[in-house]
Amino acid sequence: MDIIIMYCTVPDNDVALAIADHLVNNKLAACVNIVSGLMSVYSWKNEICNDSELLLIIKTKKDLYHEVELSIKALHPYEIPEIIALPVVAVSNDYAEWINNVTK
């Protein structure tokens, strides 16, 4: 099983909870951590922006990436939401089994 970690920034707690609840309830993610206190500095439409955001850390399987991406895009208010997936190079057998058991 290929486990991935996905990152997605969101503007506020309501959006964070809506996405996290949807992913976990629909077995697209085993767990979503919501990290507050994030300050993002980025370039958007030829301007430098500084915004407070929250970070979603999504634990899922590689074969669910496309469904997770579509779900985030459907629930996210940004024109181009950050959706990044990273491979997991090592994971305990127990944790990997749990992810496999609670996702599709």
Protein backbone atom coordinates (compact mmCIF):
# COMPACT_ATOMS: atom_id res chain seq x y z
CA MET A 1 0.00 0.00 0.00
CA ASP A 2 1.30 3.44 -0.92
CA ILE A 3 0.57 6.02 1.77
CA ILE A 4 0.80 9.72 1.00
CA ILE A 5 0.64 12.90 3.04
CA MET A 6 -1.27 15.74 1.42
CA TYR A 7 -1.02 19.43 2.29
CA CYS A 8 -3.76 21.97 1.74
CA THR A 9 -3.96 25.49 3.10
CA VAL A 10 -7.38 26.97 3.90
CA PRO A 11 -8.58 30.44 4.90
CA ASP A 12 -10.44 29.60 8.10
CA ASN A 13 -11.67 26.99 10.55
CA ASP A 14 -15.06 26.52 8.85
CA VAL A 15 -13.44 25.52 5.55
CA ALA A 16 -10.89 23.36 7.38
CA LEU A 17 -13.59 21.43 9.23
CA ALA A 18 -15.80 21.07 6.15
CA ILE A 19 -12.98 19.53 4.13
CA ALA A 20 -11.65 17.39 6.98
CA ASP A 21 -15.10 16.05 7.89
CA HIS A 22 -15.91 15.28 4.25
CA LEU A 23 -12.63 13.41 3.66
CA VAL A 24 -12.83 11.31 6.82
CA ASN A 25 -16.59 10.63 6.62
CA ASN A 26 -16.24 9.48 3.02
CA LYS A 27 -13.24 7.28 3.82
CA LEU A 28 -10.96 9.33 1.59
CA ALA A 29 -8.57 10.04 4.46
CA ALA A 30 -7.75 8.26 7.68
CA CYS A 31 -6.95 11.48 9.50
CA VAL A 32 -6.75 15.20 8.81
CA ASN A 33 -4.74 17.41 11.14
CA ILE A 34 -5.74 21.07 11.23
CA VAL A 35 -2.75 23.25 12.08
CA SER A 36 -3.46 26.86 13.03
CA GLY A 37 -1.15 29.84 13.33
CA LEU A 38 0.15 29.66 9.78
CA MET A 39 1.22 32.83 7.97
CA SER A 40 1.53 32.49 4.21
CA VAL A 41 3.52 34.92 2.08
CA TYR A 42 2.95 34.39 -1.62
CA SER A 43 2.68 36.04 -4.99
CA TRP A 44 -0.81 36.26 -6.49
CA LYS A 45 -1.82 38.26 -9.55
CA ASN A 46 1.37 40.34 -9.46
CA GLU A 47 1.02 41.23 -5.78
CA ILE A 48 2.77 39.93 -2.69
CA CYS A 49 0.18 38.73 -0.18
CA ASN A 50 0.48 37.99 3.55
CA ASP A 51 -2.42 35.95 4.91
CA SER A 52 -3.25 33.94 7.99
CA GLU A 53 -4.23 30.42 7.00
CA LEU A 54 -4.63 26.96 8.45
CA LEU A 55 -2.84 23.89 7.13
CA LEU A 56 -4.54 20.57 6.54
CA ILE A 57 -2.26 17.54 6.82
CA ILE A 58 -4.14 14.69 5.19
CA LYS A 59 -3.14 11.03 5.65
CA THR A 60 -4.43 8.85 2.83
CA LYS A 61 -3.54 6.31 0.16
CA LYS A 62 -1.95 7.17 -3.17
CA ASP A 63 -4.82 5.60 -5.12
CA LEU A 64 -7.27 8.02 -3.43
CA TYR A 65 -5.37 11.15 -4.49
CA HIS A 66 -7.66 12.05 -7.40
CA GLU A 67 -10.83 11.72 -5.28
CA VAL A 68 -9.29 13.80 -2.48
CA GLU A 69 -8.23 16.47 -4.97
CA LEU A 70 -11.73 16.66 -6.48
CA SER A 71 -13.30 16.87 -3.02
CA ILE A 72 -10.99 19.68 -1.94
CA LYS A 73 -11.66 21.64 -5.14
CA ALA A 74 -15.43 21.26 -4.65
CA LEU A 75 -15.32 22.53 -1.05
CA HIS A 76 -12.52 25.11 -1.22
CA PRO A 77 -13.16 28.83 -1.80
CA TYR A 78 -9.77 29.59 -3.43
CA GLU A 79 -9.49 29.89 -7.20
CA ILE A 80 -6.40 27.64 -7.06
CA PRO A 81 -6.18 25.75 -3.75
CA GLU A 82 -2.86 24.34 -2.63
CA ILE A 83 -3.06 20.57 -3.08
CA ILE A 84 0.30 18.86 -2.67
CA ALA A 85 1.00 15.16 -2.12
CA LEU A 86 4.21 13.74 -0.71
CA PRO A 87 5.19 10.07 -0.58
CA VAL A 88 5.73 8.43 2.79
CA VAL A 89 9.09 6.66 2.76
CA ALA A 90 8.60 4.77 6.02
CA VAL A 91 5.64 4.06 8.29
CA SER A 92 4.98 1.64 11.12
CA ASN A 93 3.06 -1.46 10.10
CA ASP A 94 0.34 -0.76 12.66
CA TYR A 95 -0.25 2.79 11.41
CA ALA A 96 -0.25 1.69 7.76
CA GLU A 97 -2.76 -1.05 8.57
CA TRP A 98 -5.00 1.46 10.36
CA ILE A 99 -4.94 3.81 7.34
CA ASN A 100 -5.80 0.89 5.07
CA ASN A 101 -8.66 -0.22 7.33
CA VAL A 102 -10.39 3.15 7.66
CA THR A 103 -10.13 4.32 4.03
CA LYS A 104 -11.66 2.97 0.83
